[in-house]
Amino acid sequence: MIAMAKGTDREGLCKEPSTFSIINSNSPLQYDRPMAIGLIELAKHNQLAMITPFSLAGASHPISLGAANSMAVAEMLAALTLTQLVNPGAPVASAAYTMNVNMQTGSPGFGSPETNVSLQIGSQMARFYGIPIRSSTFTSSPALDAQATFETLGMLWASITSGSNIIMHAAGWLEGGLRSSFEKFILDVEMLQMMVKYMEPILVDDTTLAFNEVKSVGHGGHFFDTENTIKNYSTAFYEPLISTAKNYGQWKDDGALDSTERANLVYKKALGAYEPPHLDSSRLDALKAFVKKREQEGGAPIDM
């Protein structure tokens, strides 16, 4: 179906990696038949396998973080070896880090300090082996609240500072992926955009140091109306999507909407303005015909 959408065939797709899938180990220390077949098929077609051991310290892996991370890396390397036996040079990415479980409930500790430090350990190991790293920004919170925010931001910081190549589940996820939220999607986009701005290098040269501007303003002046400020005020700083810098009085006069309520307005406006990406009609017809044929055949076998 991906080949149809791109207007190519399977051979053409093999020359241009165009999709990826997560391959989970069935921890500890095994891959079940569906995951192994999926890994082999991805490698055979030269598509990206994101190798993700289902590592839960205290459950599927030892409670010691050192041992849990070590076992996660071992499981990742086993799958990586299989891809290269199938197709030397097949693309892979690693997500070999661990989460802890909550020892009172058994639930995964999405966004916990242990998860965040393990993410950074896993990233260091991926760099050691010379492969890209995939991270996530999960939260355990079932609601869009302060917990959802600080857990998501904690994992985002860990992802950014560990040099992740791709961050999945980066917007809208709640309750470890069991729920999602349009409002959280918008708030997460705000955080992601702020990180993009944060990572932009600052240019330092004679122009940006603005020696002449500083000299012209002199002691005790201000820079609100200088030529450089007027020229660059609209693009100089990050323009928030949701955040507000209004004082309490201004905020109250504007309806006293909190960030979640403002995000609600933004997502509804975005959905209302959405236009599906263009797809050539012949490719779309081919896809519809393929889906109809597969449905009539009863779909793919589920017992592998």
Protein backbone atom coordinates (compact mmCIF):
# COMPACT_ATOMS: atom_id res chain seq x y z
CA MET A 1 0.00 0.00 0.00
CA ILE A 2 2.91 2.36 0.71
CA ALA A 3 4.38 1.55 -2.70
CA MET A 4 1.01 2.32 -4.31
CA ALA A 5 0.73 5.63 -2.49
CA LYS A 6 4.24 6.61 -3.65
CA GLY A 7 3.60 5.50 -7.22
CA THR A 8 6.26 2.82 -7.19
CA ASP A 9 6.56 -0.96 -6.70
CA ARG A 10 8.16 -3.14 -4.02
CA GLU A 11 11.57 -2.96 -5.70
CA GLY A 12 11.36 0.82 -5.82
CA LEU A 13 10.31 0.92 -2.18
CA CYS A 14 13.34 -1.15 -1.20
CA LYS A 15 15.58 1.56 -2.65
CA GLU A 16 13.89 4.28 -0.62
CA PRO A 17 13.00 3.55 3.04
CA SER A 18 9.57 5.10 3.50
CA THR A 19 8.05 3.67 6.64
CA PHE A 20 8.93 2.30 10.04
CA SER A 21 7.42 0.04 12.65
CA ILE A 22 8.12 -0.63 16.30
CA ILE A 23 9.38 -4.13 17.05
CA ASN A 24 8.92 -5.11 20.70
CA SER A 25 10.74 -7.95 22.34
CA ASN A 26 8.52 -10.23 24.39
CA SER A 27 10.73 -9.71 27.41
CA PRO A 28 12.58 -11.25 29.04
CA LEU A 29 14.97 -12.38 26.32
CA GLN A 30 12.67 -13.47 23.51
CA TYR A 31 10.87 -12.32 20.37
CA ASP A 32 7.55 -13.96 19.61
CA ARG A 33 6.67 -15.15 16.11
CA PRO A 34 4.69 -12.05 14.92
CA MET A 35 7.43 -9.66 16.04
CA ALA A 36 10.18 -11.78 14.48
CA ILE A 37 8.28 -12.04 11.19
CA GLY A 38 7.66 -8.29 11.22
CA LEU A 39 11.35 -7.64 11.83
CA ILE A 40 12.34 -9.94 8.97
CA GLU A 41 9.84 -8.36 6.55
CA LEU A 42 10.98 -4.83 7.40
CA ALA A 43 14.61 -5.79 6.86
CA LYS A 44 13.82 -7.70 3.66
CA HIS A 45 12.16 -4.56 2.21
CA ASN A 46 14.86 -2.21 3.58
CA GLN A 47 12.43 -0.36 5.84
CA LEU A 48 13.24 1.03 9.29
CA ALA A 49 12.75 -1.21 12.33
CA MET A 50 12.55 0.65 15.64
CA ILE A 51 13.74 -2.01 18.04
CA THR A 52 12.01 -1.47 21.37
CA PRO A 53 12.55 -4.02 24.13
CA PHE A 54 9.47 -4.11 26.35
CA SER A 55 11.62 -3.33 29.34
CA LEU A 56 9.89 -2.80 32.68
CA ALA A 57 12.30 -2.76 35.61
CA GLY A 58 10.81 -4.82 38.40
CA ALA A 59 8.58 -6.84 36.07
CA SER A 60 9.92 -8.06 32.72
CA HIS A 61 13.45 -6.95 33.67
CA PRO A 62 15.43 -6.90 36.94
CA ILE A 63 14.55 -4.15 39.40
CA SER A 64 18.13 -2.86 39.28
CA LEU A 65 18.31 -0.14 36.63
CA GLY A 66 21.80 -1.19 35.61
CA ALA A 67 20.69 -4.76 34.98
CA ALA A 68 17.43 -3.67 33.31
CA ASN A 69 19.20 -1.37 30.89
CA SER A 70 21.85 -3.99 30.16
CA MET A 71 19.19 -6.60 29.34
CA ALA A 72 17.29 -4.11 27.15
CA VAL A 73 20.43 -3.46 25.13
CA ALA A 74 21.05 -7.19 24.79
CA GLU A 75 17.51 -7.72 23.46
CA MET A 76 17.95 -4.85 21.03
CA LEU A 77 21.24 -6.27 19.75
CA ALA A 78 19.64 -9.67 19.15
CA ALA A 79 17.01 -8.09 16.90
CA LEU A 80 19.58 -5.87 15.20
CA THR A 81 21.64 -8.98 14.40
CA LEU A 82 18.62 -10.64 12.82
CA THR A 83 17.95 -7.64 10.55
CA GLN A 84 21.53 -7.68 9.30
CA LEU A 85 21.44 -11.42 8.65
CA VAL A 86 18.37 -10.86 6.51
CA ASN A 87 19.65 -7.76 4.73
CA PRO A 88 23.09 -6.34 5.59
CA GLY A 89 22.73 -2.58 6.00
CA ALA A 90 18.98 -2.67 6.70
CA PRO A 91 18.03 0.48 8.65
CA VAL A 92 17.38 0.20 12.38
CA ALA A 93 16.83 2.57 15.28
CA SER A 94 17.12 1.71 18.95
CA ALA A 95 14.79 2.40 21.84
CA ALA A 96 16.68 0.19 24.27
CA TYR A 97 15.97 1.81 27.60
CA THR A 98 13.82 0.80 30.54
CA MET A 99 10.83 2.06 32.46
CA ASN A 100 10.17 1.08 36.02
CA VAL A 101 6.85 -0.24 37.22
CA ASN A 102 4.93 1.25 40.11
CA MET A 103 5.48 -1.37 42.79
CA GLN A 104 2.05 -0.72 44.34
CA THR A 105 0.00 -1.06 41.14
CA GLY A 106 2.28 -2.76 38.60
CA SER A 107 1.65 0.06 36.12
CA PRO A 108 4.55 1.36 33.98
CA GLY A 109 6.19 4.48 35.37
CA PHE A 110 5.83 6.73 32.36
CA GLY A 111 7.67 9.98 32.99
CA SER A 112 9.40 8.77 36.16
CA PRO A 113 12.93 9.91 37.07
CA GLU A 114 14.13 6.34 36.51
CA THR A 115 12.62 6.28 33.02
CA ASN A 116 14.27 9.57 32.14
CA VAL A 117 17.76 8.57 33.27
CA SER A 118 17.36 5.19 31.54
CA LEU A 119 16.43 6.98 28.33
CA GLN A 120 19.72 8.85 28.51
CA ILE A 121 21.63 5.63 29.22
CA GLY A 122 19.95 3.97 26.24
CA SER A 123 20.87 6.92 24.06
CA GLN A 124 24.52 6.67 25.07
CA MET A 125 24.50 2.98 24.18
CA ALA A 126 22.91 3.69 20.78
CA ARG A 127 25.66 6.19 20.02
CA PHE A 128 28.23 3.61 21.14
CA TYR A 129 26.87 1.19 18.52
CA GLY A 130 26.46 3.94 15.92
CA ILE A 131 22.68 3.70 15.45
CA PRO A 132 19.91 6.30 15.79
CA ILE A 133 17.89 6.55 19.01
CA ARG A 134 14.12 6.75 19.35
CA SER A 135 12.61 8.20 22.51
CA SER A 136 9.14 9.13 23.74
CA THR A 137 7.40 11.71 25.94
CA PHE A 138 4.79 9.65 27.76
CA THR A 139 2.86 10.45 30.93
CA SER A 140 1.02 8.15 33.32
CA SER A 141 -1.59 10.80 34.11
CA PRO A 142 -5.16 9.93 33.04
CA ALA A 143 -6.08 13.62 32.89
CA LEU A 144 -4.68 16.81 31.40
CA ASP A 145 -3.29 18.20 34.63
CA ALA A 146 -0.03 19.30 36.23
CA GLN A 147 1.19 15.69 36.43
CA ALA A 148 0.66 15.23 32.69
CA THR A 149 2.63 18.40 32.05
CA PHE A 150 5.65 17.80 34.26
CA GLU A 151 5.99 14.12 33.30
CA THR A 152 5.79 14.95 29.60
CA LEU A 153 8.24 17.81 29.96
CA GLY A 154 10.62 15.64 32.00
CA MET A 155 10.75 13.02 29.25
CA LEU A 156 11.04 15.71 26.59
CA TRP A 157 14.05 17.23 28.35
CA ALA A 158 15.61 13.79 28.71
CA SER A 159 15.01 13.15 25.00
CA ILE A 160 16.48 16.49 23.92
CA THR A 161 19.53 16.33 26.18
CA SER A 162 20.23 12.72 25.17
CA GLY A 163 20.36 13.67 21.49
CA SER A 164 17.38 11.61 20.36
CA ASN A 165 16.96 11.37 16.59
CA ILE A 166 13.20 10.92 16.72
CA ILE A 167 10.72 11.52 19.54
CA MET A 168 7.55 9.46 19.27
CA HIS A 169 4.31 9.89 21.23
CA ALA A 170 5.39 13.51 21.46
CA ALA A 171 1.96 15.15 21.40
CA GLY A 172 -1.43 14.39 22.92
CA TRP A 173 -0.78 11.19 24.84
CA LEU A 174 -2.26 10.45 28.27
CA GLU A 175 -2.39 7.41 30.60
CA GLY A 176 0.64 5.78 29.00
CA GLY A 177 -0.94 5.87 25.54
CA LEU A 178 -4.34 4.44 26.55
CA ARG A 179 -5.93 7.85 26.11
CA SER A 180 -5.26 10.94 24.03
CA SER A 181 -6.38 14.54 24.17
CA PHE A 182 -6.75 17.22 21.52
CA GLU A 183 -5.99 19.91 24.11
CA LYS A 184 -2.85 18.13 25.28
CA PHE A 185 -1.80 17.74 21.65
CA ILE A 186 -1.82 21.54 21.28
CA LEU A 187 -0.05 22.12 24.61
CA ASP A 188 2.60 19.54 23.67
CA VAL A 189 3.10 21.25 20.30
CA GLU A 190 3.79 24.42 22.27
CA MET A 191 6.49 22.64 24.27
CA LEU A 192 7.98 21.08 21.13
CA GLN A 193 8.13 24.43 19.35
CA MET A 194 9.79 25.97 22.39
CA MET A 195 12.41 23.22 22.32
CA VAL A 196 13.06 23.85 18.64
CA LYS A 197 13.62 27.52 19.47
CA TYR A 198 15.78 26.60 22.46
CA MET A 199 18.06 24.50 20.26
CA GLU A 200 18.67 27.23 17.66
CA PRO A 201 22.28 28.39 17.94
CA ILE A 202 22.79 32.06 18.73
CA LEU A 203 24.69 33.94 16.04
CA VAL A 204 27.40 36.15 17.49
CA ASP A 205 29.10 38.62 15.12
CA ASP A 206 29.61 42.36 14.77
CA THR A 207 26.04 42.81 13.52
CA THR A 208 24.27 40.80 16.23
CA LEU A 209 26.41 42.31 18.99
CA ALA A 210 24.95 45.67 17.85
CA PHE A 211 27.85 47.87 18.98
CA ASN A 212 26.58 50.94 17.12
CA GLU A 213 23.06 50.46 18.52
CA VAL A 214 24.33 50.22 22.08
CA LYS A 215 26.47 53.32 21.52
CA SER A 216 23.55 55.33 20.10
CA VAL A 217 21.24 54.52 23.02
CA GLY A 218 23.90 55.28 25.58
CA HIS A 219 23.52 55.25 29.36
CA GLY A 220 20.02 55.04 30.84
CA GLY A 221 18.18 54.83 27.51
CA HIS A 222 16.00 52.07 26.08
CA PHE A 223 15.85 49.93 22.97
CA PHE A 224 12.10 49.88 22.31
CA ASP A 225 12.24 52.22 19.32
CA THR A 226 15.68 51.61 17.84
CA GLU A 227 15.89 50.79 14.15
CA ASN A 228 17.01 47.23 14.91
CA THR A 229 14.11 46.63 17.32
CA ILE A 230 11.52 48.01 14.89
CA LYS A 231 12.97 45.90 12.08
CA ASN A 232 13.05 42.61 14.02
CA TYR A 233 10.43 42.83 16.77
CA SER A 234 7.97 40.47 15.07
CA THR A 235 10.49 37.65 14.53
CA ALA A 236 13.16 38.16 17.20
CA PHE A 237 11.57 35.95 19.86
CA TYR A 238 9.43 32.85 20.03
CA GLU A 239 5.75 33.69 19.57
CA PRO A 240 3.71 31.44 21.89
CA LEU A 241 0.93 29.30 20.51
CA ILE A 242 -0.92 29.02 23.83
CA SER A 243 1.12 30.70 26.56
CA THR A 244 0.22 34.22 27.61
CA ALA A 245 2.24 37.05 29.12
CA LYS A 246 -0.82 39.18 29.96
CA ASN A 247 -1.18 40.42 33.49
CA TYR A 248 -4.04 39.19 35.64
CA GLY A 249 -6.31 42.12 34.80
CA GLN A 250 -5.85 41.74 31.04
CA TRP A 251 -6.28 37.98 31.27
CA LYS A 252 -9.50 38.32 33.26
CA ASP A 253 -10.91 40.90 30.87
CA ASP A 254 -10.21 38.54 27.95
CA GLY A 255 -12.35 35.79 29.47
CA ALA A 256 -10.03 34.29 32.09
CA LEU A 257 -9.36 31.21 29.95
CA ASP A 258 -6.68 28.87 31.28
CA SER A 259 -4.18 27.18 28.98
CA THR A 260 -6.34 24.08 28.46
CA GLU A 261 -9.33 26.20 27.47
CA ARG A 262 -7.18 28.19 25.06
CA ALA A 263 -5.84 24.93 23.60
CA ASN A 264 -9.44 23.81 23.08
CA LEU A 265 -10.09 26.85 20.87
CA VAL A 266 -6.88 26.31 18.89
CA TYR A 267 -7.50 22.63 18.12
CA LYS A 268 -11.07 23.29 17.01
CA LYS A 269 -9.87 26.04 14.70
CA ALA A 270 -7.14 23.75 13.31
CA LEU A 271 -9.60 20.91 12.67
CA GLY A 272 -11.98 23.30 10.95
CA ALA A 273 -9.24 24.47 8.59
CA TYR A 274 -7.82 21.01 7.89
CA GLU A 275 -7.37 19.93 4.28
CA PRO A 276 -6.35 16.33 3.49
CA PRO A 277 -3.00 16.01 1.70
CA HIS A 278 -3.34 15.61 -2.05
CA LEU A 279 -2.99 12.11 -3.49
CA ASP A 280 -3.08 11.40 -7.21
CA SER A 281 -6.50 9.98 -8.11
CA SER A 282 -5.06 6.92 -9.85
CA ARG A 283 -3.04 6.01 -6.76
CA LEU A 284 -6.07 6.56 -4.53
CA ASP A 285 -8.20 4.34 -6.75
CA ALA A 286 -5.53 1.62 -6.66
CA LEU A 287 -5.43 1.78 -2.87
CA LYS A 288 -9.21 1.56 -2.55
CA ALA A 289 -9.32 -1.41 -4.90
CA PHE A 290 -6.55 -3.15 -2.95
CA VAL A 291 -8.34 -2.60 0.38
CA LYS A 292 -11.63 -3.89 -1.06
CA LYS A 293 -9.90 -6.99 -2.44
CA ARG A 294 -8.24 -7.74 0.89
CA GLU A 295 -11.50 -7.24 2.77
CA GLN A 296 -13.25 -9.69 0.45
CA GLU A 297 -10.44 -12.19 1.06
CA GLY A 298 -11.01 -11.92 4.80
CA GLY A 299 -7.99 -9.81 5.69
CA ALA A 300 -4.55 -10.89 6.86
CA PRO A 301 -4.28 -14.05 8.97
CA ILE A 302 -4.14 -13.25 12.69
CA ASP A 303 -2.81 -16.63 13.85
CA MET A 304 0.84 -16.59 12.90
